[in-house]
C-alpha atoms as a PDB file:
ATOM      1  CA  MET A   1     -18.708 191.603 147.402  1.00  0.00           C
ATOM      2  CA  GLY A   2     -21.882 190.261 148.230  1.00  0.00           C
ATOM      3  CA  PRO A   3     -23.658 187.626 146.857  1.00  0.00           C
ATOM      4  CA  LEU A   4     -26.070 189.385 144.162  1.00  0.00           C
ATOM      5  CA  VAL A   5     -29.956 189.305 145.813  1.00  0.00           C
ATOM      6  CA  LEU A   6     -33.262 190.210 142.893  1.00  0.00           C
ATOM      7  CA  ASN A   7     -35.897 191.566 145.024  1.00  0.00           C
ATOM      8  CA  THR A   8     -39.145 190.972 142.488  1.00  0.00           C
ATOM      9  CA  ARG A   9     -41.734 193.116 145.025  1.00  0.00           C
ATOM     10  CA  PRO A  10     -43.138 196.506 143.601  1.00  0.00           C
ATOM     11  CA  GLU A  11     -41.378 199.683 143.994  1.00  0.00           C
ATOM     12  CA  THR A  12     -43.322 201.104 146.819  1.00  0.00           C
ATOM     13  CA  ASP A  13     -42.736 198.114 149.149  1.00  0.00           C
ATOM     14  CA  SER A  14     -39.163 198.652 148.245  1.00  0.00           C
ATOM     15  CA  ALA A  15     -36.945 200.739 149.260  1.00  0.00           C
ATOM     16  CA  ASP A  16     -36.116 199.923 153.146  1.00  0.00           C
ATOM     17  CA  LEU A  17     -35.436 195.852 152.113  1.00  0.00           C
ATOM     18  CA  GLU A  18     -33.291 197.076 149.654  1.00  0.00           C
ATOM     19  CA  ALA A  19     -31.698 199.336 152.465  1.00  0.00           C
ATOM     20  CA  ILE A  20     -31.647 196.379 154.504  1.00  0.00           C
ATOM     21  CA  LEU A  21     -30.289 193.397 152.455  1.00  0.00           C
ATOM     22  CA  THR A  22     -27.004 195.822 151.322  1.00  0.00           C
ATOM     23  CA  GLN A  23     -26.589 196.584 154.924  1.00  0.00           C
ATOM     24  CA  ARG A  24     -26.560 192.696 154.954  1.00  0.00           C
ATOM     25  CA  GLY A  25     -23.801 192.636 153.194  1.00  0.00           C
ATOM     26  CA  TYR A  26     -25.445 191.670 149.392  1.00  0.00           C
ATOM     27  CA  GLN A  27     -25.639 192.947 146.549  1.00  0.00           C
ATOM     28  CA  VAL A  28     -29.647 193.461 145.499  1.00  0.00           C
ATOM     29  CA  MET A  29     -30.597 193.607 141.504  1.00  0.00           C
ATOM     30  CA  SER A  30     -34.656 195.170 141.122  1.00  0.00           C
ATOM     31  CA  ALA A  31     -37.170 193.075 139.586  1.00  0.00           C
ATOM     32  CA  PRO A  32     -40.072 194.491 140.675  1.00  0.00           C
ATOM     33  CA  MET A  33     -43.424 192.132 139.008  1.00  0.00           C
ATOM     34  CA  LEU A  34     -46.676 194.619 139.829  1.00  0.00           C
ATOM     35  CA  GLN A  35     -46.468 197.830 139.275  1.00  0.00           C
ATOM     36  CA  ILE A  36     -49.039 199.306 141.688  1.00  0.00           C
ATOM     37  CA  GLU A  37     -51.482 202.039 140.735  1.00  0.00           C
ATOM     38  CA  PHE A  38     -53.439 203.823 142.829  1.00  0.00           C
ATOM     39  CA  PRO A  39     -56.360 206.159 141.470  1.00  0.00           C
ATOM     40  CA  ASP A  40     -55.416 209.477 140.773  1.00  0.00           C
ATOM     41  CA  GLN A  41     -59.328 210.820 141.767  1.00  0.00           C
ATOM     42  CA  ALA A  42     -59.740 208.889 145.128  1.00  0.00           C
ATOM     43  CA  THR A  43     -63.371 208.138 146.508  1.00  0.00           C
ATOM     44  CA  VAL A  44     -64.447 209.634 149.879  1.00  0.00           C
ATOM     45  CA  PHE A  45     -64.662 207.269 153.207  1.00  0.00           C
ATOM     46  CA  ASP A  46     -67.434 207.708 155.481  1.00  0.00           C
ATOM     47  CA  PRO A  47     -65.194 205.725 158.561  1.00  0.00           C
ATOM     48  CA  ALA A  48     -69.122 206.477 160.610  1.00  0.00           C
ATOM     49  CA  PRO A  49     -70.530 202.402 159.551  1.00  0.00           C
ATOM     50  CA  TYR A  50     -67.132 200.428 160.139  1.00  0.00           C
ATOM     51  CA  GLN A  51     -65.809 199.682 163.966  1.00  0.00           C
ATOM     52  CA  ALA A  52     -62.328 199.387 162.581  1.00  0.00           C
ATOM     53  CA  LEU A  53     -59.991 199.336 159.780  1.00  0.00           C
ATOM     54  CA  ILE A  54     -58.054 195.600 158.234  1.00  0.00           C
ATOM     55  CA  PHE A  55     -54.841 195.934 156.855  1.00  0.00           C
ATOM     56  CA  THR A  56     -53.424 193.384 153.906  1.00  0.00           C
ATOM     57  CA  SER A  57     -50.611 195.053 152.663  1.00  0.00           C
ATOM     58  CA  ALA A  58     -48.317 198.601 152.660  1.00  0.00           C
ATOM     59  CA  ASN A  59     -50.309 199.709 149.497  1.00  0.00           C
ATOM     60  CA  GLY A  60     -53.539 199.150 151.483  1.00  0.00           C
ATOM     61  CA  VAL A  61     -52.306 202.086 154.504  1.00  0.00           C
ATOM     62  CA  ARG A  62     -51.214 204.143 151.450  1.00  0.00           C
ATOM     63  CA  ALA A  63     -54.415 203.560 149.519  1.00  0.00           C
ATOM     64  CA  PHE A  64     -56.386 204.395 152.790  1.00  0.00           C
ATOM     65  CA  ALA A  65     -54.231 207.566 153.545  1.00  0.00           C
ATOM     66  CA  ARG A  66     -55.152 208.911 149.992  1.00  0.00           C
ATOM     67  CA  LEU A  67     -58.856 208.184 151.268  1.00  0.00           C
ATOM     68  CA  SER A  68     -59.452 210.499 154.372  1.00  0.00           C
ATOM     69  CA  ASP A  69     -57.161 211.977 157.296  1.00  0.00           C
ATOM     70  CA  ASP A  70     -59.693 209.821 159.664  1.00  0.00           C
ATOM     71  CA  ARG A  71     -56.759 208.001 161.774  1.00  0.00           C
ATOM     72  CA  ALA A  72     -59.718 207.517 165.287  1.00  0.00           C
ATOM     73  CA  ARG A  73     -60.247 204.066 164.227  1.00  0.00           C
ATOM     74  CA  PRO A  74     -58.539 200.810 165.544  1.00  0.00           C
ATOM     75  CA  VAL A  75     -56.105 199.190 162.406  1.00  0.00           C
ATOM     76  CA  LEU A  76     -55.865 195.134 162.168  1.00  0.00           C
ATOM     77  CA  CYS A  77     -52.759 194.892 160.130  1.00  0.00           C
ATOM     78  CA  VAL A  78     -51.639 191.109 158.840  1.00  0.00           C
ATOM     79  CA  GLY A  79     -47.505 192.464 159.291  1.00  0.00           C
ATOM     80  CA  ASP A  80     -45.462 194.466 161.798  1.00  0.00           C
ATOM     81  CA  ALA A  81     -44.124 196.214 158.628  1.00  0.00           C
ATOM     82  CA  THR A  82     -48.225 197.358 157.311  1.00  0.00           C
ATOM     83  CA  ALA A  83     -48.254 197.717 161.332  1.00  0.00           C
ATOM     84  CA  ARG A  84     -45.434 200.070 161.469  1.00  0.00           C
ATOM     85  CA  LEU A  85     -46.966 202.326 158.161  1.00  0.00           C
ATOM     86  CA  ALA A  86     -49.612 202.724 160.074  1.00  0.00           C
ATOM     87  CA  ALA A  87     -48.522 203.793 162.651  1.00  0.00           C
ATOM     88  CA  GLN A  88     -46.286 206.680 161.088  1.00  0.00           C
ATOM     89  CA  ILE A  89     -49.176 207.840 158.988  1.00  0.00           C
ATOM     90  CA  GLY A  90     -50.506 208.343 162.530  1.00  0.00           C
ATOM     91  CA  PHE A  91     -52.495 205.427 163.517  1.00  0.00           C
ATOM     92  CA  ASP A  92     -52.076 204.878 167.366  1.00  0.00           C
ATOM     93  CA  GLN A  93     -54.612 201.862 168.016  1.00  0.00           C
ATOM     94  CA  ILE A  94     -52.741 199.070 165.937  1.00  0.00           C
ATOM     95  CA  LYS A  95     -52.666 195.725 166.214  1.00  0.00           C
ATOM     96  CA  SER A  96     -50.016 192.626 164.058  1.00  0.00           C
ATOM     97  CA  ALA A  97     -50.682 189.555 163.018  1.00  0.00           C
ATOM     98  CA  ASN A  98     -47.363 189.113 162.147  1.00  0.00           C
ATOM     99  CA  GLY A  99     -47.762 186.736 159.339  1.00  0.00           C
ATOM    100  CA  ASP A 100     -50.953 184.982 156.603  1.00  0.00           C
ATOM    101  CA  ILE A 101     -54.349 186.143 156.106  1.00  0.00           C
ATOM    102  CA  ASN A 102     -54.445 183.004 158.672  1.00  0.00           C
ATOM    103  CA  ASP A 103     -53.167 184.578 161.351  1.00  0.00           C
ATOM    104  CA  LEU A 104     -55.274 187.813 160.782  1.00  0.00           C
ATOM    105  CA  ALA A 105     -58.076 185.767 160.853  1.00  0.00           C
ATOM    106  CA  ASP A 106     -57.015 185.003 164.085  1.00  0.00           C
ATOM    107  CA  LEU A 107     -56.268 187.883 165.394  1.00  0.00           C
ATOM    108  CA  ILE A 108     -60.012 189.643 164.776  1.00  0.00           C
ATOM    109  CA  ARG A 109     -61.724 186.514 166.382  1.00  0.00           C
ATOM    110  CA  ASP A 110     -59.085 187.533 169.566  1.00  0.00           C
ATOM    111  CA  GLN A 111     -59.936 190.901 168.541  1.00  0.00           C
ATOM    112  CA  ILE A 112     -63.245 192.056 167.308  1.00  0.00           C
ATOM    113  CA  ASP A 113     -66.453 191.909 168.351  1.00  0.00           C
ATOM    114  CA  PRO A 114     -68.790 191.448 165.302  1.00  0.00           C
ATOM    115  CA  GLU A 115     -71.878 192.617 167.117  1.00  0.00           C
ATOM    116  CA  LYS A 116     -70.534 196.352 167.877  1.00  0.00           C
ATOM    117  CA  GLY A 117     -70.600 196.918 163.022  1.00  0.00           C
ATOM    118  CA  PRO A 118     -68.551 195.855 160.070  1.00  0.00           C
ATOM    119  CA  LEU A 119     -65.053 196.048 159.120  1.00  0.00           C
ATOM    120  CA  PHE A 120     -63.473 198.391 156.689  1.00  0.00           C
ATOM    121  CA  HIS A 121     -60.001 196.424 154.644  1.00  0.00           C
ATOM    122  CA  PRO A 122     -58.948 198.944 151.684  1.00  0.00           C
ATOM    123  CA  ALA A 123     -56.979 196.304 149.325  1.00  0.00           C
ATOM    124  CA  ALA A 124     -56.329 195.102 145.792  1.00  0.00           C
ATOM    125  CA  ARG A 125     -58.735 193.681 142.683  1.00  0.00           C
ATOM    126  CA  LYS A 126     -56.318 190.782 143.442  1.00  0.00           C
ATOM    127  CA  THR A 127     -56.081 189.264 146.729  1.00  0.00           C
ATOM    128  CA  ALA A 128     -54.250 186.201 148.607  1.00  0.00           C
ATOM    129  CA  GLY A 129     -56.857 185.863 150.128  1.00  0.00           C
ATOM    130  CA  ASP A 130     -60.953 186.764 150.745  1.00  0.00           C
ATOM    131  CA  LEU A 131     -61.408 187.684 154.691  1.00  0.00           C
ATOM    132  CA  GLY A 132     -65.625 187.730 154.362  1.00  0.00           C
ATOM    133  CA  GLN A 133     -65.091 183.790 153.218  1.00  0.00           C
ATOM    134  CA  ILE A 134     -62.901 183.088 156.108  1.00  0.00           C
ATOM    135  CA  LEU A 135     -64.233 184.213 159.181  1.00  0.00           C
ATOM    136  CA  ALA A 136     -68.745 184.273 157.634  1.00  0.00           C
ATOM    137  CA  ASP A 137     -68.936 181.282 160.211  1.00  0.00           C
ATOM    138  CA  GLY A 138     -68.541 184.127 162.835  1.00  0.00           C
ATOM    139  CA  GLY A 139     -70.662 186.478 161.863  1.00  0.00           C
ATOM    140  CA  TYR A 140     -68.241 189.086 161.220  1.00  0.00           C
ATOM    141  CA  LYS A 141     -69.100 191.857 158.349  1.00  0.00           C
ATOM    142  CA  ILE A 142     -66.163 193.254 155.827  1.00  0.00           C
ATOM    143  CA  ASP A 143     -66.330 195.344 153.636  1.00  0.00           C
ATOM    144  CA  ARG A 144     -63.697 195.230 151.166  1.00  0.00           C
ATOM    145  CA  GLN A 145     -62.760 197.563 148.927  1.00  0.00           C
ATOM    146  CA  THR A 146     -61.129 197.924 145.214  1.00  0.00           C
ATOM    147  CA  VAL A 147     -58.341 201.353 146.398  1.00  0.00           C
ATOM    148  CA  TYR A 148     -55.927 200.254 144.296  1.00  0.00           C
ATOM    149  CA  THR A 149     -54.469 198.389 141.269  1.00  0.00           C
ATOM    150  CA  ALA A 150     -51.474 195.764 140.936  1.00  0.00           C
ATOM    151  CA  HIS A 151     -51.170 195.020 137.621  1.00  0.00           C
ATOM    152  CA  ALA A 152     -48.349 192.466 136.794  1.00  0.00           C
ATOM    153  CA  SER A 153     -45.245 192.789 134.929  1.00  0.00           C
ATOM    154  CA  THR A 154     -45.397 192.158 130.659  1.00  0.00           C
ATOM    155  CA  SER A 155     -41.304 191.240 129.862  1.00  0.00           C
ATOM    156  CA  LEU A 156     -38.124 190.734 132.394  1.00  0.00           C
ATOM    157  CA  ALA A 157     -35.839 194.113 131.933  1.00  0.00           C
ATOM    158  CA  GLU A 158     -32.690 193.401 129.635  1.00  0.00           C
ATOM    159  CA  GLN A 159     -30.703 194.515 132.596  1.00  0.00           C
ATOM    160  CA  THR A 160     -31.848 191.672 135.020  1.00  0.00           C
ATOM    161  CA  ALA A 161     -31.746 188.995 131.634  1.00  0.00           C
ATOM    162  CA  ASN A 162     -28.951 189.513 131.427  1.00  0.00           C
ATOM    163  CA  ALA A 163     -28.182 188.939 134.566  1.00  0.00           C
ATOM    164  CA  ILE A 164     -29.628 185.356 134.685  1.00  0.00           C
ATOM    165  CA  ALA A 165     -28.631 184.259 131.555  1.00  0.00           C
ATOM    166  CA  ALA A 166     -24.882 184.763 132.969  1.00  0.00           C
ATOM    167  CA  HIS A 167     -25.633 182.912 136.514  1.00  0.00           C
ATOM    168  CA  HIS A 168     -25.171 185.878 137.414  1.00  0.00           C
ATOM    169  CA  ILE A 169     -28.062 186.291 140.133  1.00  0.00           C
ATOM    170  CA  ASP A 170     -27.352 183.929 143.712  1.00  0.00           C
ATOM    171  CA  ALA A 171     -30.977 184.234 145.000  1.00  0.00           C
ATOM    172  CA  VAL A 172     -34.493 185.718 143.901  1.00  0.00           C
ATOM    173  CA  LEU A 173     -37.141 186.636 146.718  1.00  0.00           C
ATOM    174  CA  PHE A 174     -40.664 185.787 145.969  1.00  0.00           C
ATOM    175  CA  PHE A 175     -43.058 187.348 149.288  1.00  0.00           C
ATOM    176  CA  SER A 176     -46.445 186.814 147.577  1.00  0.00           C
ATOM    177  CA  PRO A 177     -48.215 184.063 144.718  1.00  0.00           C
ATOM    178  CA  ARG A 178     -49.018 185.981 141.938  1.00  0.00           C
ATOM    179  CA  THR A 179     -45.085 187.880 141.837  1.00  0.00           C
ATOM    180  CA  ALA A 180     -43.861 184.349 142.057  1.00  0.00           C
ATOM    181  CA  GLU A 181     -46.308 183.399 139.496  1.00  0.00           C
ATOM    182  CA  THR A 182     -45.198 187.023 136.991  1.00  0.00           C
ATOM    183  CA  PHE A 183     -41.995 185.824 137.866  1.00  0.00           C
ATOM    184  CA  VAL A 184     -42.062 182.486 135.594  1.00  0.00           C
ATOM    185  CA  LYS A 185     -44.695 183.504 133.276  1.00  0.00           C
ATOM    186  CA  LEU A 186     -41.520 186.203 132.103  1.00  0.00           C
ATOM    187  CA  ILE A 187     -39.219 183.481 132.070  1.00  0.00           C
ATOM    188  CA  LYS A 188     -40.301 180.864 130.044  1.00  0.00           C
ATOM    189  CA  SER A 189     -41.126 184.110 128.392  1.00  0.00           C
ATOM    190  CA  ALA A 190     -38.145 184.986 128.082  1.00  0.00           C
ATOM    191  CA  LYS A 191     -36.693 181.736 127.316  1.00  0.00           C
ATOM    192  CA  LEU A 192     -35.256 181.869 130.697  1.00  0.00           C
ATOM    193  CA  GLU A 193     -36.609 178.061 131.879  1.00  0.00           C
ATOM    194  CA  GLY A 194     -32.604 176.257 132.136  1.00  0.00           C
ATOM    195  CA  GLU A 195     -30.404 179.804 133.423  1.00  0.00           C
ATOM    196  CA  LEU A 196     -31.118 179.541 137.044  1.00  0.00           C
ATOM    197  CA  CYS A 197     -30.242 176.195 138.332  1.00  0.00           C
ATOM    198  CA  ASN A 198     -27.212 177.789 140.445  1.00  0.00           C
ATOM    199  CA  THR A 199     -29.717 179.934 141.665  1.00  0.00           C
ATOM    200  CA  ARG A 200     -31.099 180.126 145.049  1.00  0.00           C
ATOM    201  CA  ALA A 201     -35.936 180.586 145.537  1.00  0.00           C
ATOM    202  CA  ILE A 202     -35.812 182.206 148.464  1.00  0.00           C
ATOM    203  CA  CYS A 203     -39.795 182.206 149.207  1.00  0.00           C
ATOM    204  CA  LEU A 204     -42.098 183.897 152.422  1.00  0.00           C
ATOM    205  CA  SER A 205     -44.547 180.318 151.957  1.00  0.00           C
ATOM    206  CA  PRO A 206     -45.715 177.614 150.978  1.00  0.00           C
ATOM    207  CA  ALA A 207     -47.475 178.690 148.717  1.00  0.00           C
ATOM    208  CA  VAL A 208     -45.802 181.236 146.776  1.00  0.00           C
ATOM    209  CA  GLN A 209     -43.065 178.097 146.794  1.00  0.00           C
ATOM    210  CA  LEU A 210     -45.358 176.719 144.770  1.00  0.00           C
ATOM    211  CA  GLN A 211     -45.760 179.426 141.484  1.00  0.00           C
ATOM    212  CA  ILE A 212     -42.281 178.828 141.098  1.00  0.00           C
ATOM    213  CA  ALA A 213     -41.614 175.032 141.486  1.00  0.00           C
ATOM    214  CA  ASP A 214     -42.295 174.729 137.129  1.00  0.00           C
ATOM    215  CA  LEU A 215     -38.792 176.018 137.039  1.00  0.00           C
ATOM    216  CA  LYS A 216     -35.003 174.358 138.225  1.00  0.00           C
ATOM    217  CA  TRP A 217     -33.394 175.833 140.802  1.00  0.00           C
ATOM    218  CA  GLN A 218     -30.529 174.936 142.792  1.00  0.00           C
ATOM    219  CA  ARG A 219     -32.894 174.687 146.111  1.00  0.00           C
ATOM    220  CA  THR A 220     -35.587 176.927 146.714  1.00  0.00           C
ATOM    221  CA  HIS A 221     -36.510 177.892 150.825  1.00  0.00           C
ATOM    222  CA  VAL A 222     -39.157 178.573 152.383  1.00  0.00           C
ATOM    223  CA  ALA A 223     -39.517 180.943 155.602  1.00  0.00           C
ATOM    224  CA  SER A 224     -41.206 179.334 158.827  1.00  0.00           C
ATOM    225  CA  LYS A 225     -43.650 182.355 159.687  1.00  0.00           C
ATOM    226  CA  PRO A 226     -44.848 184.711 156.172  1.00  0.00           C
ATOM    227  CA  THR A 227     -43.004 187.438 157.509  1.00  0.00           C
ATOM    228  CA  GLN A 228     -40.547 189.274 155.756  1.00  0.00           C
ATOM    229  CA  GLU A 229     -37.891 189.089 158.855  1.00  0.00           C
ATOM    230  CA  TYR A 230     -37.651 185.053 159.032  1.00  0.00           C
ATOM    231  CA  LEU A 231     -37.951 185.271 154.597  1.00  0.00           C
ATOM    232  CA  LEU A 232     -34.170 187.244 155.645  1.00  0.00           C
ATOM    233  CA  SER A 233     -33.212 184.976 157.713  1.00  0.00           C
ATOM    234  CA  ILE A 234     -33.938 182.182 155.584  1.00  0.00           C
ATOM    235  CA  LEU A 235     -31.561 183.506 152.653  1.00  0.00           C
ATOM    236  CA  ASP A 236     -29.363 184.855 155.588  1.00  0.00           C
ATOM    237  CA  GLN A 237     -28.874 181.217 156.512  1.00  0.00           C
ATOM    238  CA  SER A 238     -28.829 179.416 152.810  1.00  0.00           C
ATOM    239  CA  PHE A 239     -26.048 180.794 152.226  1.00  0.00           C
ATOM    240  CA  SER A 240     -23.718 180.424 156.060  1.00  0.00           C
ATOM    241  CA  SER A 241     -24.832 177.034 155.227  1.00  0.00           C
ATOM    242  CA  ALA A 242     -24.105 176.789 151.977  1.00  0.00           C
END
Protein backbone atom coordinates (compact mmCIF):
# COMPACT_ATOMS: atom_id res chain seq x y z
CA MET A 1 0.00 0.00 0.00
CA GLY A 2 1.15 3.53 -0.80
CA PRO A 3 1.92 6.37 1.62
CA LEU A 4 -1.00 7.76 3.62
CA VAL A 5 -1.67 11.40 2.72
CA LEU A 6 -3.81 13.73 4.81
CA ASN A 7 -5.81 16.16 2.66
CA THR A 8 -6.76 19.34 4.53
CA ARG A 9 -8.72 21.06 1.73
CA PRO A 10 -12.45 21.85 2.08
CA GLU A 11 -14.79 19.14 0.85
CA THR A 12 -15.90 21.32 -2.08
CA ASP A 13 -12.35 21.23 -3.47
CA SER A 14 -11.41 17.65 -2.63
CA ALA A 15 -13.14 15.20 -4.96
CA ASP A 16 -10.86 15.62 -7.98
CA LEU A 17 -7.74 15.95 -5.82
CA GLU A 18 -8.42 12.75 -3.89
CA ALA A 19 -9.13 10.88 -7.12
CA ILE A 20 -5.77 12.03 -8.51
CA LEU A 21 -3.97 11.02 -5.33
CA THR A 22 -5.55 7.56 -5.46
CA GLN A 23 -4.55 7.17 -9.12
CA ARG A 24 -0.96 8.00 -8.13
CA GLY A 25 -0.96 5.19 -5.60
CA TYR A 26 -1.52 7.10 -2.37
CA GLN A 27 -3.89 6.27 0.43
CA VAL A 28 -5.97 9.34 1.32
CA MET A 29 -7.50 10.56 4.56
CA SER A 30 -9.66 13.67 4.51
CA ALA A 31 -9.51 16.30 7.28
CA PRO A 32 -11.08 19.54 5.98
CA MET A 33 -9.76 22.52 7.91
CA LEU A 34 -12.40 24.85 6.43
CA GLN A 35 -16.13 24.37 5.84
CA ILE A 36 -17.57 26.37 2.97
CA GLU A 37 -20.98 27.99 3.45
CA PHE A 38 -22.91 29.54 0.58
CA PRO A 39 -25.82 31.90 1.42
CA ASP A 40 -29.29 30.39 1.10
CA GLN A 41 -30.57 33.53 -0.56
CA ALA A 42 -28.00 35.11 -2.82
CA THR A 43 -28.38 38.68 -4.04
CA VAL A 44 -29.20 38.88 -7.74
CA PHE A 45 -26.09 39.93 -9.64
CA ASP A 46 -26.28 42.75 -12.19
CA PRO A 47 -23.40 42.27 -14.64
CA ALA A 48 -24.01 45.50 -16.55
CA PRO A 49 -21.37 47.70 -14.78
CA TYR A 50 -18.52 45.20 -15.10
CA GLN A 51 -16.17 44.55 -17.98
CA ALA A 52 -14.85 41.26 -16.54
CA LEU A 53 -14.98 38.87 -13.59
CA ILE A 54 -12.14 37.80 -11.31
CA PHE A 55 -12.05 34.39 -9.63
CA THR A 56 -9.44 33.68 -6.95
CA SER A 57 -10.89 30.28 -6.01
CA ALA A 58 -13.10 27.51 -7.32
CA ASN A 59 -15.56 28.35 -4.55
CA GLY A 60 -15.81 31.85 -5.98
CA VAL A 61 -16.91 30.25 -9.26
CA ARG A 62 -19.45 28.09 -7.43
CA ALA A 63 -20.79 31.10 -5.57
CA PHE A 64 -21.08 33.13 -8.76
CA ALA A 65 -23.10 30.35 -10.38
CA ARG A 66 -25.64 30.88 -7.59
CA LEU A 67 -25.69 34.62 -8.23
CA SER A 68 -26.21 34.80 -11.96
CA ASP A 69 -26.77 32.92 -15.20
CA ASP A 70 -24.63 35.45 -17.05
CA ARG A 71 -21.66 33.81 -18.80
CA ALA A 72 -20.91 36.50 -21.39
CA ARG A 73 -18.15 38.36 -19.58
CA PRO A 74 -14.46 37.56 -19.76
CA VAL A 75 -13.09 35.90 -16.63
CA LEU A 76 -9.59 35.96 -15.17
CA CYS A 77 -8.70 33.10 -12.83
CA VAL A 78 -5.91 32.63 -10.32
CA GLY A 79 -5.19 29.06 -11.45
CA ASP A 80 -5.98 26.35 -13.93
CA ALA A 81 -8.30 24.38 -11.63
CA THR A 82 -10.44 27.48 -11.11
CA ALA A 83 -10.37 28.14 -14.86
CA ARG A 84 -11.51 24.58 -15.61
CA LEU A 85 -14.50 24.98 -13.29
CA ALA A 86 -15.36 28.32 -14.93
CA ALA A 87 -15.39 26.52 -18.28
CA GLN A 88 -17.57 23.75 -16.86
CA ILE A 89 -20.27 26.22 -15.81
CA GLY A 90 -20.38 27.84 -19.24
CA PHE A 91 -17.78 30.60 -19.54
CA ASP A 92 -15.78 30.61 -22.77
CA GLN A 93 -13.62 33.74 -22.44
CA ILE A 94 -11.20 32.52 -19.77
CA LYS A 95 -7.63 33.44 -18.87
CA SER A 96 -5.64 31.68 -16.15
CA ALA A 97 -2.70 33.15 -14.24
CA ASN A 98 -1.64 29.60 -13.26
CA GLY A 99 -0.15 30.93 -10.04
CA ASP A 100 -1.01 33.04 -7.01
CA ILE A 101 -2.70 36.39 -6.42
CA ASN A 102 0.36 38.32 -7.60
CA ASP A 103 0.41 36.37 -10.86
CA LEU A 104 -3.30 37.13 -11.24
CA ALA A 105 -2.61 40.84 -10.72
CA ASP A 106 0.00 40.67 -13.51
CA LEU A 107 -2.54 38.95 -15.77
CA ILE A 108 -5.11 41.67 -15.08
CA ARG A 109 -2.56 44.38 -15.91
CA ASP A 110 -1.77 42.58 -19.16
CA GLN A 111 -5.34 41.83 -20.25
CA ILE A 112 -7.55 44.58 -18.82
CA ASP A 113 -7.78 48.28 -19.59
CA PRO A 114 -8.90 50.02 -16.37
CA GLU A 115 -10.55 52.77 -18.41
CA LYS A 116 -13.13 50.31 -19.77
CA GLY A 117 -14.87 49.71 -16.44
CA PRO A 118 -14.69 47.96 -13.08
CA LEU A 119 -14.08 44.27 -12.34
CA PHE A 120 -16.27 42.04 -10.18
CA HIS A 121 -14.54 39.77 -7.66
CA PRO A 122 -16.82 37.27 -5.86
CA ALA A 123 -14.84 36.01 -2.88
CA ALA A 124 -14.79 34.77 0.68
CA ARG A 125 -14.93 37.11 3.66
CA LYS A 126 -11.23 36.35 4.26
CA THR A 127 -8.87 36.18 1.29
CA ALA A 128 -5.17 35.47 0.90
CA GLY A 129 -4.53 38.94 -0.53
CA ASP A 130 -6.22 42.17 -1.61
CA LEU A 131 -6.27 42.59 -5.37
CA GLY A 132 -7.79 46.04 -5.05
CA GLN A 133 -4.81 47.20 -3.03
CA ILE A 134 -2.26 45.46 -5.26
CA LEU A 135 -3.75 47.10 -8.38
CA ALA A 136 -4.69 50.47 -6.90
CA ASP A 137 -1.76 52.29 -8.49
CA GLY A 138 -2.93 51.17 -11.93
CA GLY A 139 -6.31 52.79 -11.66
CA TYR A 140 -8.25 49.52 -11.51
CA LYS A 141 -11.57 49.49 -9.72
CA ILE A 142 -12.35 46.07 -8.23
CA ASP A 143 -15.69 45.41 -6.61
CA ARG A 144 -15.00 42.57 -4.18
CA GLN A 145 -18.14 41.11 -2.66
CA THR A 146 -18.43 38.39 -0.03
CA VAL A 147 -20.42 35.56 -1.61
CA TYR A 148 -19.40 32.67 0.63
CA THR A 149 -17.86 32.07 4.03
CA ALA A 150 -15.08 29.67 4.97
CA HIS A 151 -15.49 28.57 8.59
CA ALA A 152 -12.44 27.19 10.36
CA SER A 153 -12.81 23.71 11.87
CA THR A 154 -12.89 23.68 15.66
CA SER A 155 -11.57 20.18 16.32
CA LEU A 156 -9.80 17.25 14.70
CA ALA A 157 -11.90 14.25 13.80
CA GLU A 158 -11.17 11.29 16.05
CA GLN A 159 -9.93 9.23 13.11
CA THR A 160 -7.49 11.97 12.14
CA ALA A 161 -6.21 12.50 15.68
CA ASN A 162 -5.71 8.76 16.18
CA ALA A 163 -3.83 8.40 12.89
CA ILE A 164 -1.50 11.28 13.79
CA ALA A 165 -0.92 9.92 17.32
CA ALA A 166 -0.06 6.51 15.86
CA HIS A 167 2.36 8.07 13.34
CA HIS A 168 0.37 6.64 10.43
CA ILE A 169 0.25 9.87 8.39
CA ASP A 170 3.12 10.06 5.91
CA ALA A 171 2.36 13.50 4.47
CA VAL A 172 -0.03 16.41 4.98
CA LEU A 173 -1.09 18.66 2.09
CA PHE A 174 -1.54 22.39 2.72
CA PHE A 175 -3.07 24.62 0.05
CA SER A 176 -3.60 27.92 1.89
CA PRO A 177 -2.19 29.88 4.82
CA ARG A 178 -5.53 29.78 6.63
CA THR A 179 -5.85 26.03 6.23
CA ALA A 180 -2.33 25.60 7.61
CA GLU A 181 -2.98 28.01 10.47
CA THR A 182 -6.14 26.13 11.44
CA PHE A 183 -4.32 22.79 11.36
CA VAL A 184 -1.61 24.07 13.71
CA LYS A 185 -4.19 25.40 16.16
CA LEU A 186 -6.03 22.06 16.23
CA ILE A 187 -2.83 20.05 16.60
CA LYS A 188 -1.79 22.18 19.57
CA SER A 189 -5.26 21.96 21.10
CA ALA A 190 -5.11 18.15 20.83
CA LYS A 191 -1.54 18.16 22.27
CA LEU A 192 -0.18 16.35 19.23
CA GLU A 193 2.72 18.71 18.50
CA GLY A 194 5.31 15.97 18.96
CA GLU A 195 3.60 13.40 16.76
CA LEU A 196 4.51 14.76 13.30
CA CYS A 197 8.26 14.12 13.42
CA ASN A 198 7.91 11.30 10.84
CA THR A 199 5.51 13.24 8.62
CA ARG A 200 6.23 15.42 5.60
CA ALA A 201 4.48 18.79 5.19
CA ILE A 202 3.71 19.56 1.53
CA CYS A 203 3.03 23.29 1.08
CA LEU A 204 1.66 25.27 -1.85
CA SER A 205 3.80 28.34 -1.15
CA PRO A 206 6.30 29.88 1.28
CA ALA A 207 3.40 31.76 2.91
CA VAL A 208 1.78 28.41 3.66
CA GLN A 209 5.05 26.95 4.96
CA LEU A 210 5.41 29.87 7.36
CA GLN A 211 2.15 28.96 9.07
CA ILE A 212 3.26 25.40 9.91
CA ALA A 213 6.79 26.32 11.00
CA ASP A 214 5.98 25.94 14.72
CA LEU A 215 5.47 22.20 14.34
CA LYS A 216 8.29 19.68 14.14
CA TRP A 217 8.11 17.80 10.83
CA GLN A 218 10.28 15.16 9.25
CA ARG A 219 10.68 17.68 6.45
CA THR A 220 8.73 20.47 4.78
CA HIS A 221 8.48 20.80 1.01
CA VAL A 222 7.27 23.83 -0.96
CA ALA A 223 5.93 23.69 -4.51
CA SER A 224 8.07 25.63 -6.98
CA LYS A 225 4.89 27.28 -8.30
CA PRO A 226 1.67 27.75 -6.31
CA THR A 227 -0.48 25.30 -8.26
CA GLN A 228 -1.95 21.89 -7.51
CA GLU A 229 0.11 20.31 -10.27
CA TYR A 230 3.38 21.54 -8.79
CA LEU A 231 2.31 20.62 -5.26
CA LEU A 232 1.59 17.05 -6.36
CA SER A 233 4.91 16.95 -8.18
CA ILE A 234 6.82 17.89 -5.02
CA LEU A 235 4.78 15.29 -3.11
CA ASP A 236 5.88 12.61 -5.58
CA GLN A 237 9.49 13.78 -5.41
CA SER A 238 9.51 13.72 -1.61
CA PHE A 239 8.79 9.98 -1.64
CA SER A 240 10.82 9.03 -4.69
CA SER A 241 13.94 10.55 -3.09
CA ALA A 242 13.33 9.02 0.33
